[in-house]
Amino acid sequence: MTDAASQPLSKVRPLYWSVRRELWETRSVYIAPPAAAAVVWCGYLISAIGMPARRIETLKLDPAHQSIVMGEPFVAAHAAITLTVMIVAAFYCLGALFNERRDRSILFWKSLPVSDLKTVLSKAAIPTLVLPAVGIVVTMVAQAVIFLLSTLILVTAGVSAATPWTVGSVAGEGVVLLYTWVTLTLWVAPIYGWLLLVSVWAKRAPFLWAVLPVLALALLEKLAFSTTHLMGLVVNRITGSYDAAFVTAPAAELRAHGGMPQLGLDKLDPGKFVTTPGLWIGLIVFAASLAACVWFRRRREPI
């Protein structure tokens, strides 16, 4: 019988348990998105007071506009949960490597047989893998609850709860949801890399070190050249995944929909996304940031 202690550790196990450790220590990862969904449900219940009358007016519209109006609560739920996930991811990255130096737990973690590379990768996995997965599941549950609530309210009021959606269209929305989260995560990855780098480098106030240099450079550019390229680049990196991953809707269509882009299978453009130079430049920046995090963690002492 082979002694288990003499067997080499699996290369995956240390990384797996490092990710588990991050989840144990960071409860906001799995608390904040459901909390956002709960807020959306509360708002939806308040708006349900006049729902039967609004549904009667909606049913007078053509099917295309019916789908847009009926889909607004689902889009709002998706937007609220996405924003929450991005905020949680940003603050997690800022504290991921800084907090272990501040509370001196880095001395304990460095005593374990887990390399700096695996430690950094486990922390990078939270905003790029775990939080998007949580966001997808919570969004699907939130939208399902909204659908059930609306059906119950309308049937109770004696109003038709029929929708222009079919099983195929619902499955298509699931594909769109998954595609949206994947492209968004890949697009904002360099921001997560930058925040992790600041977290491992800063001796205090990582939030200020992450934000103030960017604002100072943007202000210097504005005063010196009367341009806003840097700020435009930052804003595009935060909000530009839609333009890079989807067929961009004309401005007139966006105005007709209240500025809210209507996403569907016909709007997906993965070929455009994977051939966008900004995607690959961002991923290179992300990889370089992680490499710098590994280098700094090997040399950083407790604060």
Protein backbone atom coordinates (compact mmCIF):
# COMPACT_ATOMS: atom_id res chain seq x y z
CA MET A 1 0.00 0.00 0.00
CA THR A 2 1.47 3.29 -1.06
CA ASP A 3 1.93 5.86 1.64
CA ALA A 4 -0.27 8.86 0.76
CA ALA A 5 2.15 11.24 2.45
CA SER A 6 4.93 10.19 0.07
CA GLN A 7 2.91 10.95 -3.04
CA PRO A 8 3.56 14.33 -4.68
CA LEU A 9 0.85 16.91 -4.28
CA SER A 10 -1.33 17.46 -7.28
CA LYS A 11 -0.53 20.62 -9.17
CA VAL A 12 -4.21 21.55 -9.11
CA ARG A 13 -4.88 20.94 -5.42
CA PRO A 14 -2.90 23.88 -3.96
CA LEU A 15 -4.53 26.24 -6.46
CA TYR A 16 -7.97 24.78 -5.75
CA TRP A 17 -7.62 25.16 -1.99
CA SER A 18 -6.16 28.64 -2.41
CA VAL A 19 -9.31 29.67 -4.26
CA ARG A 20 -11.41 28.02 -1.54
CA ARG A 21 -9.49 30.03 1.03
CA GLU A 22 -10.28 33.26 -0.80
CA LEU A 23 -13.98 32.37 -0.77
CA TRP A 24 -13.88 31.61 2.95
CA GLU A 25 -12.24 34.95 3.70
CA THR A 26 -14.28 37.10 1.29
CA ARG A 27 -17.98 36.65 1.96
CA SER A 28 -18.97 39.60 -0.22
CA VAL A 29 -18.24 37.40 -3.26
CA TYR A 30 -21.35 35.32 -2.64
CA ILE A 31 -23.40 37.75 -0.51
CA ALA A 32 -23.38 40.99 -2.52
CA PRO A 33 -24.86 39.67 -5.83
CA PRO A 34 -27.87 37.98 -4.12
CA ALA A 35 -28.32 41.15 -2.06
CA ALA A 36 -28.49 43.16 -5.30
CA ALA A 37 -31.06 40.68 -6.63
CA ALA A 38 -33.12 41.12 -3.45
CA VAL A 39 -33.11 44.91 -3.95
CA VAL A 40 -34.29 44.41 -7.54
CA TRP A 41 -37.11 42.14 -6.34
CA CYS A 42 -38.21 44.72 -3.77
CA GLY A 43 -38.30 47.44 -6.41
CA TYR A 44 -40.18 45.16 -8.77
CA LEU A 45 -42.80 44.37 -6.12
CA ILE A 46 -43.32 48.09 -5.51
CA SER A 47 -43.74 48.68 -9.24
CA ALA A 48 -46.23 45.79 -9.38
CA ILE A 49 -48.93 48.04 -7.95
CA GLY A 50 -49.90 49.28 -11.40
CA MET A 51 -48.67 46.27 -13.35
CA PRO A 52 -52.07 44.94 -14.58
CA ALA A 53 -53.01 48.30 -16.09
CA ARG A 54 -49.60 48.69 -17.71
CA ARG A 55 -49.77 45.17 -19.13
CA ILE A 56 -53.14 45.93 -20.78
CA GLU A 57 -51.57 48.94 -22.51
CA THR A 58 -48.49 46.91 -23.45
CA LEU A 59 -50.60 44.21 -25.13
CA LYS A 60 -51.90 46.87 -27.53
CA LEU A 61 -48.39 47.31 -28.96
CA ASP A 62 -46.88 45.29 -31.77
CA PRO A 63 -44.98 42.12 -30.74
CA ALA A 64 -41.55 43.71 -31.14
CA HIS A 65 -42.37 46.58 -28.78
CA GLN A 66 -44.14 44.19 -26.40
CA SER A 67 -40.92 42.22 -26.07
CA ILE A 68 -38.95 45.40 -25.33
CA VAL A 69 -41.35 46.68 -22.67
CA MET A 70 -41.79 43.29 -21.00
CA GLY A 71 -38.05 42.73 -21.00
CA GLU A 72 -37.17 45.95 -19.16
CA PRO A 73 -37.31 44.41 -15.64
CA PHE A 74 -35.06 41.57 -16.77
CA VAL A 75 -32.55 43.99 -18.30
CA ALA A 76 -32.64 46.08 -15.10
CA ALA A 77 -31.93 43.00 -12.98
CA HIS A 78 -29.01 42.04 -15.21
CA ALA A 79 -27.59 45.57 -15.09
CA ALA A 80 -27.88 45.85 -11.29
CA ILE A 81 -26.20 42.51 -10.66
CA THR A 82 -23.46 43.21 -13.21
CA LEU A 83 -22.67 46.56 -11.60
CA THR A 84 -22.59 44.93 -8.16
CA VAL A 85 -20.24 42.19 -9.34
CA MET A 86 -17.87 44.71 -10.91
CA ILE A 87 -17.77 46.83 -7.74
CA VAL A 88 -17.14 43.77 -5.55
CA ALA A 89 -14.43 42.59 -7.95
CA ALA A 90 -12.69 45.99 -7.92
CA PHE A 91 -12.58 46.28 -4.13
CA TYR A 92 -11.58 42.64 -3.79
CA CYS A 93 -8.60 43.19 -6.10
CA LEU A 94 -7.53 46.28 -4.15
CA GLY A 95 -7.45 44.35 -0.89
CA ALA A 96 -6.44 40.89 -2.10
CA LEU A 97 -2.67 41.26 -1.71
CA PHE A 98 -2.61 44.40 0.45
CA ASN A 99 -4.62 43.02 3.38
CA GLU A 100 -2.39 39.98 3.91
CA ARG A 101 0.60 42.30 4.30
CA ARG A 102 -1.26 44.69 6.57
CA ASP A 103 -2.54 42.00 8.97
CA ARG A 104 0.79 40.10 8.64
CA SER A 105 -0.97 36.88 7.64
CA ILE A 106 1.44 36.85 4.68
CA LEU A 107 4.01 35.33 7.06
CA PHE A 108 1.71 32.35 7.63
CA TRP A 109 0.71 31.89 3.99
CA LYS A 110 4.31 32.06 2.83
CA SER A 111 5.15 29.24 5.23
CA LEU A 112 2.82 26.90 3.32
CA PRO A 113 3.91 24.89 0.25
CA VAL A 114 2.06 27.20 -2.12
CA SER A 115 4.07 29.26 -4.57
CA ASP A 116 3.61 32.99 -5.11
CA LEU A 117 2.40 32.20 -8.63
CA LYS A 118 -0.42 29.95 -7.39
CA THR A 119 -1.35 32.51 -4.74
CA VAL A 120 -1.62 35.31 -7.27
CA LEU A 121 -3.53 33.09 -9.72
CA SER A 122 -5.99 32.09 -7.00
CA LYS A 123 -6.66 35.74 -6.23
CA ALA A 124 -7.01 36.60 -9.93
CA ALA A 125 -9.49 33.73 -10.31
CA ILE A 126 -12.01 35.43 -8.02
CA PRO A 127 -12.81 38.45 -10.26
CA THR A 128 -12.27 36.61 -13.55
CA LEU A 129 -13.87 33.21 -12.89
CA VAL A 130 -15.75 32.95 -9.60
CA LEU A 131 -17.58 36.29 -9.54
CA PRO A 132 -18.75 36.05 -13.18
CA ALA A 133 -20.05 32.53 -12.46
CA VAL A 134 -21.89 33.82 -9.40
CA GLY A 135 -23.23 36.72 -11.47
CA ILE A 136 -24.59 34.39 -14.17
CA VAL A 137 -26.36 32.14 -11.66
CA VAL A 138 -27.79 35.02 -9.61
CA THR A 139 -28.97 36.83 -12.76
CA MET A 140 -30.77 33.73 -14.02
CA VAL A 141 -32.43 33.18 -10.63
CA ALA A 142 -33.38 36.87 -10.33
CA GLN A 143 -34.95 36.90 -13.79
CA ALA A 144 -36.81 33.63 -13.11
CA VAL A 145 -38.27 35.06 -9.89
CA ILE A 146 -39.35 38.23 -11.71
CA PHE A 147 -41.06 36.10 -14.35
CA LEU A 148 -42.89 34.04 -11.72
CA LEU A 149 -43.93 37.11 -9.72
CA SER A 150 -45.27 38.89 -12.80
CA THR A 151 -47.19 35.79 -13.87
CA LEU A 152 -48.73 35.38 -10.40
CA ILE A 153 -49.71 39.05 -10.15
CA LEU A 154 -51.24 39.22 -13.62
CA VAL A 155 -53.15 35.94 -13.33
CA THR A 156 -54.50 37.01 -9.94
CA ALA A 157 -55.68 40.30 -11.47
CA GLY A 158 -57.34 38.47 -14.37
CA VAL A 159 -54.95 39.90 -16.96
CA SER A 160 -53.27 37.81 -19.64
CA ALA A 161 -49.78 36.81 -18.58
CA ALA A 162 -48.84 35.62 -22.07
CA THR A 163 -45.48 36.79 -23.39
CA PRO A 164 -44.04 36.94 -26.91
CA TRP A 165 -41.24 34.62 -25.79
CA THR A 166 -40.87 30.95 -26.66
CA VAL A 167 -38.73 28.18 -25.22
CA GLY A 168 -36.24 28.81 -28.00
CA SER A 169 -36.05 32.53 -27.29
CA VAL A 170 -35.54 31.91 -23.57
CA ALA A 171 -32.69 29.51 -24.37
CA GLY A 172 -31.28 32.15 -26.69
CA GLU A 173 -31.35 34.70 -23.88
CA GLY A 174 -29.33 32.27 -21.78
CA VAL A 175 -26.70 32.12 -24.51
CA VAL A 176 -26.68 35.91 -24.72
CA LEU A 177 -26.30 36.15 -20.93
CA LEU A 178 -23.32 33.79 -20.90
CA TYR A 179 -21.72 35.55 -23.89
CA THR A 180 -22.21 38.95 -22.25
CA TRP A 181 -20.50 37.90 -19.03
CA VAL A 182 -17.57 36.20 -20.79
CA THR A 183 -16.87 39.16 -23.07
CA LEU A 184 -17.27 41.67 -20.24
CA THR A 185 -14.83 39.78 -18.01
CA LEU A 186 -12.22 39.48 -20.75
CA TRP A 187 -12.60 43.16 -21.63
CA VAL A 188 -12.16 44.51 -18.08
CA ALA A 189 -9.40 42.01 -17.13
CA PRO A 190 -6.59 44.63 -17.42
CA ILE A 191 -8.37 46.78 -14.84
CA TYR A 192 -8.40 43.86 -12.43
CA GLY A 193 -4.72 43.30 -13.18
CA TRP A 194 -3.91 46.95 -12.44
CA LEU A 195 -5.82 46.85 -9.14
CA LEU A 196 -4.05 43.66 -8.06
CA LEU A 197 -0.71 45.24 -8.92
CA VAL A 198 -1.50 48.30 -6.81
CA SER A 199 -2.66 45.99 -4.02
CA VAL A 200 0.68 44.16 -3.87
CA TRP A 201 2.76 47.33 -4.26
CA ALA A 202 1.08 50.01 -2.12
CA LYS A 203 2.07 50.44 1.51
CA ARG A 204 -1.14 52.26 2.38
CA ALA A 205 -4.36 53.56 0.79
CA PRO A 206 -4.38 51.30 -2.31
CA PHE A 207 -7.61 52.89 -3.56
CA LEU A 208 -5.96 56.30 -3.79
CA TRP A 209 -2.85 54.85 -5.47
CA ALA A 210 -5.06 53.12 -8.02
CA VAL A 211 -7.21 56.15 -8.86
CA LEU A 212 -5.22 59.34 -8.26
CA PRO A 213 -2.33 58.70 -10.71
CA VAL A 214 -4.83 58.01 -13.51
CA LEU A 215 -6.79 61.17 -12.68
CA ALA A 216 -3.58 63.21 -12.44
CA LEU A 217 -2.37 62.00 -15.85
CA ALA A 218 -5.81 62.65 -17.36
CA LEU A 219 -5.80 66.19 -15.94
CA LEU A 220 -2.26 66.80 -17.19
CA GLU A 221 -3.25 65.62 -20.67
CA LYS A 222 -6.29 67.91 -20.65
CA LEU A 223 -4.30 70.97 -19.55
CA ALA A 224 -1.32 70.32 -21.83
CA PHE A 225 -3.00 69.09 -25.01
CA SER A 226 -6.73 69.80 -24.53
CA THR A 227 -7.46 66.12 -25.20
CA THR A 228 -9.12 63.37 -23.14
CA HIS A 229 -7.65 60.24 -24.72
CA LEU A 230 -6.58 58.65 -21.42
CA MET A 231 -9.94 59.13 -19.73
CA GLY A 232 -11.68 57.92 -22.86
CA LEU A 233 -9.48 54.80 -22.81
CA VAL A 234 -10.39 54.10 -19.18
CA VAL A 235 -14.11 54.61 -19.77
CA ASN A 236 -13.98 52.41 -22.87
CA ARG A 237 -12.23 49.67 -20.91
CA ILE A 238 -15.02 49.74 -18.31
CA THR A 239 -18.06 50.11 -20.58
CA GLY A 240 -16.83 49.26 -24.07
CA SER A 241 -17.35 45.50 -24.10
CA TYR A 242 -20.79 45.92 -25.69
CA ASP A 243 -19.42 47.84 -28.68
CA ALA A 244 -16.60 45.30 -29.08
CA ALA A 245 -18.68 42.12 -28.70
CA PHE A 246 -22.05 43.01 -30.25
CA VAL A 247 -23.36 44.50 -33.45
CA THR A 248 -23.62 48.15 -32.46
CA ALA A 249 -27.17 49.46 -32.63
CA PRO A 250 -27.74 52.72 -34.53
CA ALA A 251 -28.12 55.82 -32.39
CA ALA A 252 -31.75 56.23 -33.49
CA GLU A 253 -32.56 52.70 -32.28
CA LEU A 254 -30.93 53.36 -28.93
CA ARG A 255 -32.94 56.56 -28.51
CA ALA A 256 -36.12 54.68 -29.36
CA HIS A 257 -35.34 52.16 -26.60
CA GLY A 258 -34.52 54.80 -24.02
CA GLY A 259 -30.78 54.43 -24.48
CA MET A 260 -30.87 50.74 -23.50
CA PRO A 261 -29.32 48.44 -26.12
CA GLN A 262 -31.52 45.46 -27.01
CA LEU A 263 -29.42 42.31 -26.89
CA GLY A 264 -30.29 39.15 -28.79
CA LEU A 265 -28.72 36.30 -30.70
CA ASP A 266 -28.78 38.41 -33.85
CA LYS A 267 -26.63 41.04 -32.08
CA LEU A 268 -23.78 38.68 -31.15
CA ASP A 269 -20.56 39.26 -33.05
CA PRO A 270 -17.84 36.99 -31.60
CA GLY A 271 -15.72 37.36 -34.75
CA LYS A 272 -15.57 41.10 -34.26
CA PHE A 273 -14.74 40.65 -30.58
CA VAL A 274 -11.82 38.22 -30.98
CA THR A 275 -10.30 40.33 -33.77
CA THR A 276 -10.44 43.57 -31.78
CA PRO A 277 -6.85 44.67 -31.00
CA GLY A 278 -8.00 46.20 -27.72
CA LEU A 279 -9.00 42.76 -26.41
CA TRP A 280 -5.55 41.24 -26.92
CA ILE A 281 -3.72 44.34 -25.72
CA GLY A 282 -5.81 44.22 -22.56
CA LEU A 283 -5.09 40.53 -21.99
CA ILE A 284 -1.37 41.15 -22.46
CA VAL A 285 -1.56 43.96 -19.88
CA PHE A 286 -3.46 41.61 -17.55
CA ALA A 287 -0.85 38.85 -17.90
CA ALA A 288 1.99 41.34 -17.39
CA SER A 289 0.28 42.70 -14.28
CA LEU A 290 -0.04 39.22 -12.81
CA ALA A 291 3.64 38.53 -13.54
CA ALA A 292 4.54 41.79 -11.76
CA CYS A 293 2.32 40.78 -8.82
CA VAL A 294 4.24 37.51 -8.47
CA TRP A 295 7.57 39.37 -8.57
CA PHE A 296 6.49 41.95 -5.98
CA ARG A 297 4.94 39.37 -3.63
CA ARG A 298 8.24 37.51 -3.42
CA ARG A 299 9.92 40.70 -2.20
CA ARG A 300 7.22 42.49 -0.24
CA GLU A 301 7.35 42.35 3.55
CA PRO A 302 4.49 42.88 6.04
CA ILE A 303 3.44 46.48 6.52
